[in-house]
């Protein structure tokens, strides 16, 4: 599952609200643990995001439960078979991809570098 522009905008708005101490994320457990938004979570917040309260709730759950938590589940699954030895390789690859994506965005192009063959 990939992040969209709307996801990025949502995360930026959420970060601003965190910085302003208008919202926080809490762990709720009612049989199953999950993350929930707390504090001034009402119409004012929905207006800030430009969607309904249900839309804010849906995007939060999609990003934090489906994407963020599931990413750690996948990491745990791989590391349960291979150990944590591959983690530094994965982090290096992810950092390089992020840097390439940021560079491409600044240039306005999305060129994907190809592997060079050995001669």
N, C-alpha and C. Protein backbone atom coordinates (compact mmCIF):
# COMPACT_ATOMS: atom_id res chain seq x y z
N UNK A 1 0.85 -1.17 0.00
CA UNK A 1 0.00 0.00 0.00
C UNK A 1 0.91 1.24 0.00
N UNK A 2 0.62 2.15 -0.89
CA UNK A 2 1.46 3.33 -1.02
C UNK A 2 0.79 4.55 -0.43
N UNK A 3 1.62 5.50 0.01
CA UNK A 3 1.11 6.78 0.51
C UNK A 3 0.72 7.66 -0.67
N UNK A 4 -0.40 8.34 -0.53
CA UNK A 4 -0.87 9.26 -1.56
C UNK A 4 -0.56 10.69 -1.14
N UNK A 5 -0.81 11.62 -2.03
CA UNK A 5 -0.64 13.03 -1.72
C UNK A 5 -1.60 13.43 -0.60
N UNK A 6 -2.81 12.89 -0.62
CA UNK A 6 -3.78 13.19 0.44
C UNK A 6 -3.28 12.66 1.78
N UNK A 7 -2.62 11.51 1.77
CA UNK A 7 -2.05 10.96 3.00
C UNK A 7 -0.98 11.90 3.54
N UNK A 8 -0.10 12.36 2.66
CA UNK A 8 0.96 13.29 3.08
C UNK A 8 0.38 14.56 3.66
N UNK A 9 -0.62 15.13 2.98
CA UNK A 9 -1.27 16.35 3.47
C UNK A 9 -1.91 16.12 4.83
N UNK A 10 -2.54 14.96 5.00
CA UNK A 10 -3.16 14.61 6.27
C UNK A 10 -2.12 14.54 7.38
N UNK A 11 -1.00 13.86 7.11
CA UNK A 11 0.06 13.73 8.12
C UNK A 11 0.66 15.09 8.48
N UNK A 12 0.81 15.97 7.49
CA UNK A 12 1.34 17.30 7.78
C UNK A 12 0.37 18.09 8.66
N UNK A 13 -0.93 18.01 8.36
CA UNK A 13 -1.94 18.70 9.18
C UNK A 13 -1.97 18.12 10.59
N UNK A 14 -1.88 16.80 10.69
CA UNK A 14 -1.89 16.14 11.99
C UNK A 14 -0.66 16.56 12.80
N UNK A 15 0.48 16.65 12.16
CA UNK A 15 1.71 17.07 12.84
C UNK A 15 1.58 18.49 13.40
N UNK A 16 0.98 19.38 12.60
CA UNK A 16 0.77 20.76 13.08
C UNK A 16 -0.12 20.76 14.32
N UNK A 17 -1.17 19.95 14.32
CA UNK A 17 -2.07 19.88 15.47
C UNK A 17 -1.34 19.29 16.69
N UNK A 18 -0.45 18.33 16.48
CA UNK A 18 0.34 17.79 17.58
C UNK A 18 1.24 18.87 18.15
N UNK A 19 1.90 19.61 17.27
CA UNK A 19 2.80 20.67 17.71
C UNK A 19 2.06 21.75 18.49
N UNK A 20 0.81 22.00 18.12
CA UNK A 20 -0.02 23.00 18.80
C UNK A 20 -0.70 22.42 20.04
N UNK A 21 -0.45 21.14 20.34
CA UNK A 21 -1.04 20.45 21.49
C UNK A 21 -2.58 20.39 21.42
N UNK A 22 -3.12 20.35 20.20
CA UNK A 22 -4.56 20.26 20.04
C UNK A 22 -5.03 18.83 19.83
N UNK A 23 -4.08 17.91 19.65
CA UNK A 23 -4.44 16.53 19.40
C UNK A 23 -3.32 15.62 19.86
N UNK A 24 -3.66 14.41 20.25
CA UNK A 24 -2.66 13.41 20.59
C UNK A 24 -3.16 12.04 20.19
N UNK A 25 -2.24 11.10 20.12
CA UNK A 25 -2.57 9.72 19.80
C UNK A 25 -2.43 8.91 21.07
N UNK A 26 -3.44 8.10 21.34
CA UNK A 26 -3.48 7.30 22.55
C UNK A 26 -3.65 5.84 22.18
N UNK A 27 -3.22 4.94 23.04
CA UNK A 27 -3.42 3.51 22.85
C UNK A 27 -4.67 3.11 23.60
N UNK A 28 -5.62 2.53 22.88
CA UNK A 28 -6.87 2.09 23.49
C UNK A 28 -6.91 0.57 23.44
N UNK A 29 -7.38 -0.01 24.53
CA UNK A 29 -7.49 -1.48 24.57
C UNK A 29 -8.86 -1.85 25.10
N UNK A 30 -9.66 -2.43 24.23
CA UNK A 30 -10.95 -2.97 24.64
C UNK A 30 -11.07 -4.37 24.04
N UNK A 31 -10.12 -5.19 24.41
CA UNK A 31 -10.00 -6.53 23.85
C UNK A 31 -8.90 -6.60 22.81
N UNK A 32 -8.84 -5.57 21.97
CA UNK A 32 -7.81 -5.46 20.94
C UNK A 32 -7.19 -4.07 21.04
N UNK A 33 -5.87 -4.00 21.04
CA UNK A 33 -5.19 -2.71 21.13
C UNK A 33 -5.29 -1.99 19.80
N UNK A 34 -5.44 -0.66 19.88
CA UNK A 34 -5.44 0.17 18.68
C UNK A 34 -5.10 1.60 19.06
N UNK A 35 -4.66 2.36 18.08
CA UNK A 35 -4.35 3.77 18.29
C UNK A 35 -5.59 4.60 17.95
N UNK A 36 -5.84 5.62 18.77
CA UNK A 36 -6.98 6.50 18.55
C UNK A 36 -6.54 7.96 18.73
N UNK A 37 -7.26 8.85 18.06
CA UNK A 37 -7.03 10.28 18.22
C UNK A 37 -7.73 10.76 19.47
N UNK A 38 -7.11 11.66 20.20
CA UNK A 38 -7.68 12.20 21.43
C UNK A 38 -7.60 13.72 21.44
N UNK A 39 -8.35 14.32 22.30
CA UNK A 39 -8.39 15.72 22.65
C UNK A 39 -9.48 16.42 21.86
N UNK A 40 -9.18 17.52 21.21
CA UNK A 40 -10.20 18.32 20.52
C UNK A 40 -10.59 17.69 19.20
N UNK A 41 -11.12 16.50 19.27
CA UNK A 41 -11.45 15.75 18.06
C UNK A 41 -12.92 15.98 17.74
N UNK A 42 -13.22 17.09 17.11
CA UNK A 42 -14.59 17.42 16.80
C UNK A 42 -14.71 18.14 15.47
N UNK A 43 -15.75 18.94 15.33
CA UNK A 43 -16.00 19.63 14.07
C UNK A 43 -14.86 20.56 13.68
N UNK A 44 -14.24 21.21 14.68
CA UNK A 44 -13.13 22.12 14.40
C UNK A 44 -11.98 21.37 13.71
N UNK A 45 -11.69 20.16 14.18
CA UNK A 45 -10.63 19.35 13.61
C UNK A 45 -11.01 18.93 12.20
N UNK A 46 -12.25 18.52 12.00
CA UNK A 46 -12.71 18.11 10.67
C UNK A 46 -12.58 19.26 9.68
N UNK A 47 -12.89 20.48 10.12
CA UNK A 47 -12.74 21.65 9.25
C UNK A 47 -11.27 21.87 8.91
N UNK A 48 -10.39 21.66 9.85
CA UNK A 48 -8.95 21.85 9.63
C UNK A 48 -8.43 20.90 8.56
N UNK A 49 -8.97 19.68 8.55
CA UNK A 49 -8.55 18.69 7.56
C UNK A 49 -9.31 18.81 6.24
N UNK A 50 -10.44 19.49 6.26
CA UNK A 50 -11.23 19.65 5.05
C UNK A 50 -12.08 18.45 4.70
N UNK A 51 -12.30 17.56 5.67
CA UNK A 51 -13.16 16.39 5.47
C UNK A 51 -14.02 16.21 6.71
N UNK A 52 -14.95 15.27 6.65
CA UNK A 52 -15.81 15.01 7.80
C UNK A 52 -15.03 14.35 8.93
N UNK A 53 -15.62 14.31 10.11
CA UNK A 53 -14.97 13.62 11.24
C UNK A 53 -14.73 12.16 10.90
N UNK A 54 -15.69 11.55 10.21
CA UNK A 54 -15.53 10.15 9.80
C UNK A 54 -14.36 10.01 8.82
N UNK A 55 -14.17 11.00 7.94
CA UNK A 55 -13.05 10.97 7.01
C UNK A 55 -11.71 11.07 7.72
N UNK A 56 -11.66 11.92 8.76
CA UNK A 56 -10.43 12.03 9.56
C UNK A 56 -10.16 10.69 10.25
N UNK A 57 -11.19 10.11 10.84
CA UNK A 57 -11.06 8.82 11.53
C UNK A 57 -10.61 7.73 10.56
N UNK A 58 -11.22 7.70 9.38
CA UNK A 58 -10.88 6.67 8.39
C UNK A 58 -9.43 6.79 7.95
N UNK A 59 -8.98 8.00 7.60
CA UNK A 59 -7.61 8.18 7.12
C UNK A 59 -6.61 7.87 8.23
N UNK A 60 -6.91 8.27 9.46
CA UNK A 60 -6.03 7.97 10.59
C UNK A 60 -5.89 6.46 10.75
N UNK A 61 -7.00 5.74 10.75
CA UNK A 61 -6.94 4.28 10.91
C UNK A 61 -6.19 3.62 9.75
N UNK A 62 -6.41 4.12 8.54
CA UNK A 62 -5.72 3.56 7.37
C UNK A 62 -4.22 3.74 7.49
N UNK A 63 -3.78 4.95 7.87
CA UNK A 63 -2.36 5.23 7.94
C UNK A 63 -1.69 4.57 9.13
N UNK A 64 -2.32 4.66 10.30
CA UNK A 64 -1.65 4.19 11.51
C UNK A 64 -1.90 2.73 11.81
N UNK A 65 -3.07 2.20 11.52
CA UNK A 65 -3.33 0.79 11.80
C UNK A 65 -2.97 -0.08 10.61
N UNK A 66 -3.47 0.29 9.45
CA UNK A 66 -3.23 -0.56 8.29
C UNK A 66 -1.80 -0.46 7.78
N UNK A 67 -1.28 0.73 7.66
CA UNK A 67 0.04 0.87 7.05
C UNK A 67 1.18 0.79 8.07
N UNK A 68 1.12 1.60 9.10
CA UNK A 68 2.23 1.70 10.06
C UNK A 68 2.38 0.42 10.87
N UNK A 69 1.32 -0.04 11.48
CA UNK A 69 1.39 -1.25 12.31
C UNK A 69 1.66 -2.48 11.44
N UNK A 70 1.02 -2.57 10.28
CA UNK A 70 1.25 -3.72 9.41
C UNK A 70 2.68 -3.77 8.90
N UNK A 71 3.32 -2.61 8.73
CA UNK A 71 4.73 -2.59 8.32
C UNK A 71 5.59 -3.28 9.39
N UNK A 72 5.30 -2.98 10.65
CA UNK A 72 6.04 -3.65 11.73
C UNK A 72 5.70 -5.13 11.81
N UNK A 73 4.48 -5.52 11.50
CA UNK A 73 4.14 -6.94 11.47
C UNK A 73 4.96 -7.67 10.41
N UNK A 74 5.09 -7.05 9.25
CA UNK A 74 5.88 -7.66 8.16
C UNK A 74 7.35 -7.75 8.55
N UNK A 75 7.86 -6.69 9.17
CA UNK A 75 9.26 -6.71 9.61
C UNK A 75 9.46 -7.83 10.63
N UNK A 76 8.56 -7.96 11.59
CA UNK A 76 8.66 -9.02 12.58
C UNK A 76 8.64 -10.39 11.91
N UNK A 77 7.76 -10.56 10.92
CA UNK A 77 7.64 -11.83 10.24
C UNK A 77 8.95 -12.20 9.53
N UNK A 78 9.53 -11.26 8.78
CA UNK A 78 10.79 -11.51 8.07
C UNK A 78 11.90 -11.78 9.07
N UNK A 79 11.98 -10.96 10.12
CA UNK A 79 13.07 -11.12 11.09
C UNK A 79 12.90 -12.38 11.94
N UNK A 80 11.70 -12.90 12.06
CA UNK A 80 11.53 -14.16 12.79
C UNK A 80 12.17 -15.32 12.02
N UNK A 81 12.30 -15.18 10.71
CA UNK A 81 12.96 -16.21 9.90
C UNK A 81 14.45 -15.94 9.72
N UNK A 82 14.82 -14.70 9.48
CA UNK A 82 16.20 -14.38 9.11
C UNK A 82 16.97 -13.61 10.17
N UNK A 83 16.32 -13.22 11.27
CA UNK A 83 16.99 -12.42 12.28
C UNK A 83 17.04 -10.97 11.84
N UNK A 84 17.67 -10.14 12.65
CA UNK A 84 17.72 -8.70 12.38
C UNK A 84 18.94 -8.31 11.55
N UNK A 85 19.69 -9.28 11.06
CA UNK A 85 20.92 -8.98 10.33
C UNK A 85 20.66 -8.21 9.04
N UNK A 86 19.51 -8.40 8.43
CA UNK A 86 19.21 -7.74 7.16
C UNK A 86 18.65 -6.32 7.35
N UNK A 87 18.35 -5.94 8.57
CA UNK A 87 17.72 -4.66 8.84
C UNK A 87 18.55 -3.48 8.33
N UNK A 88 19.86 -3.51 8.58
CA UNK A 88 20.69 -2.38 8.13
C UNK A 88 20.71 -2.26 6.61
N UNK A 89 20.62 -3.39 5.89
CA UNK A 89 20.52 -3.33 4.43
C UNK A 89 19.21 -2.67 4.00
N UNK A 90 18.12 -3.09 4.65
CA UNK A 90 16.80 -2.55 4.31
C UNK A 90 16.73 -1.05 4.59
N UNK A 91 17.30 -0.61 5.69
CA UNK A 91 17.28 0.82 6.04
C UNK A 91 18.12 1.61 5.03
N UNK A 92 19.26 1.08 4.63
CA UNK A 92 20.10 1.77 3.64
C UNK A 92 19.37 1.91 2.30
N UNK A 93 18.70 0.85 1.89
CA UNK A 93 17.95 0.89 0.63
C UNK A 93 16.80 1.89 0.73
N UNK A 94 16.08 1.88 1.84
CA UNK A 94 14.96 2.81 2.03
C UNK A 94 15.45 4.26 2.01
N UNK A 95 16.55 4.54 2.69
CA UNK A 95 17.09 5.91 2.70
C UNK A 95 17.47 6.35 1.30
N UNK A 96 18.09 5.45 0.54
CA UNK A 96 18.47 5.80 -0.83
C UNK A 96 17.24 6.09 -1.68
N UNK A 97 16.21 5.28 -1.55
CA UNK A 97 14.97 5.50 -2.32
C UNK A 97 14.33 6.83 -1.97
N UNK A 98 14.33 7.17 -0.69
CA UNK A 98 13.76 8.45 -0.26
C UNK A 98 14.56 9.60 -0.84
N UNK A 99 15.89 9.50 -0.78
CA UNK A 99 16.74 10.56 -1.33
C UNK A 99 16.53 10.72 -2.83
N UNK A 100 16.44 9.60 -3.55
CA UNK A 100 16.21 9.66 -4.99
C UNK A 100 14.85 10.28 -5.31
N UNK A 101 13.85 9.91 -4.54
CA UNK A 101 12.51 10.46 -4.75
C UNK A 101 12.49 11.96 -4.49
N UNK A 102 13.15 12.40 -3.42
CA UNK A 102 13.21 13.83 -3.11
C UNK A 102 13.97 14.60 -4.18
N UNK A 103 15.06 14.02 -4.66
CA UNK A 103 15.84 14.66 -5.72
C UNK A 103 15.01 14.77 -7.00
N UNK A 104 14.29 13.72 -7.34
CA UNK A 104 13.45 13.73 -8.54
C UNK A 104 12.33 14.75 -8.42
N UNK A 105 11.77 14.90 -7.24
CA UNK A 105 10.72 15.89 -7.05
C UNK A 105 11.24 17.30 -7.21
N UNK A 106 12.45 17.56 -6.73
CA UNK A 106 13.04 18.89 -6.90
C UNK A 106 13.33 19.19 -8.36
N UNK A 107 13.76 18.18 -9.10
CA UNK A 107 14.07 18.37 -10.51
C UNK A 107 12.82 18.33 -11.38
N UNK A 108 11.74 17.78 -10.85
CA UNK A 108 10.51 17.67 -11.62
C UNK A 108 10.49 16.46 -12.54
N UNK A 109 11.43 15.54 -12.33
CA UNK A 109 11.46 14.31 -13.13
C UNK A 109 11.42 13.11 -12.20
N UNK A 110 11.01 12.02 -12.74
CA UNK A 110 10.93 10.80 -11.95
C UNK A 110 11.69 9.69 -12.67
N UNK A 111 12.98 9.88 -12.83
CA UNK A 111 13.83 8.90 -13.49
C UNK A 111 14.25 7.86 -12.46
N UNK A 112 14.03 6.62 -12.80
CA UNK A 112 14.41 5.53 -11.90
C UNK A 112 15.74 4.96 -12.39
N UNK A 113 16.78 5.05 -11.58
CA UNK A 113 18.07 4.53 -12.02
C UNK A 113 18.04 3.02 -12.17
N UNK A 114 18.67 2.53 -13.21
CA UNK A 114 18.75 1.09 -13.46
C UNK A 114 20.06 0.53 -12.92
N UNK A 115 20.03 -0.74 -12.64
CA UNK A 115 21.26 -1.40 -12.22
C UNK A 115 22.25 -1.42 -13.37
N UNK A 116 23.49 -1.24 -13.04
CA UNK A 116 24.50 -1.30 -14.07
C UNK A 116 24.99 -2.74 -14.16
N UNK A 117 25.11 -3.22 -15.39
CA UNK A 117 25.58 -4.59 -15.56
C UNK A 117 27.09 -4.62 -15.50
N UNK A 118 27.61 -5.73 -14.99
CA UNK A 118 29.05 -5.90 -14.92
C UNK A 118 29.57 -6.29 -16.30
N UNK A 119 30.67 -5.70 -16.67
CA UNK A 119 31.27 -6.04 -17.98
C UNK A 119 32.59 -6.72 -17.81
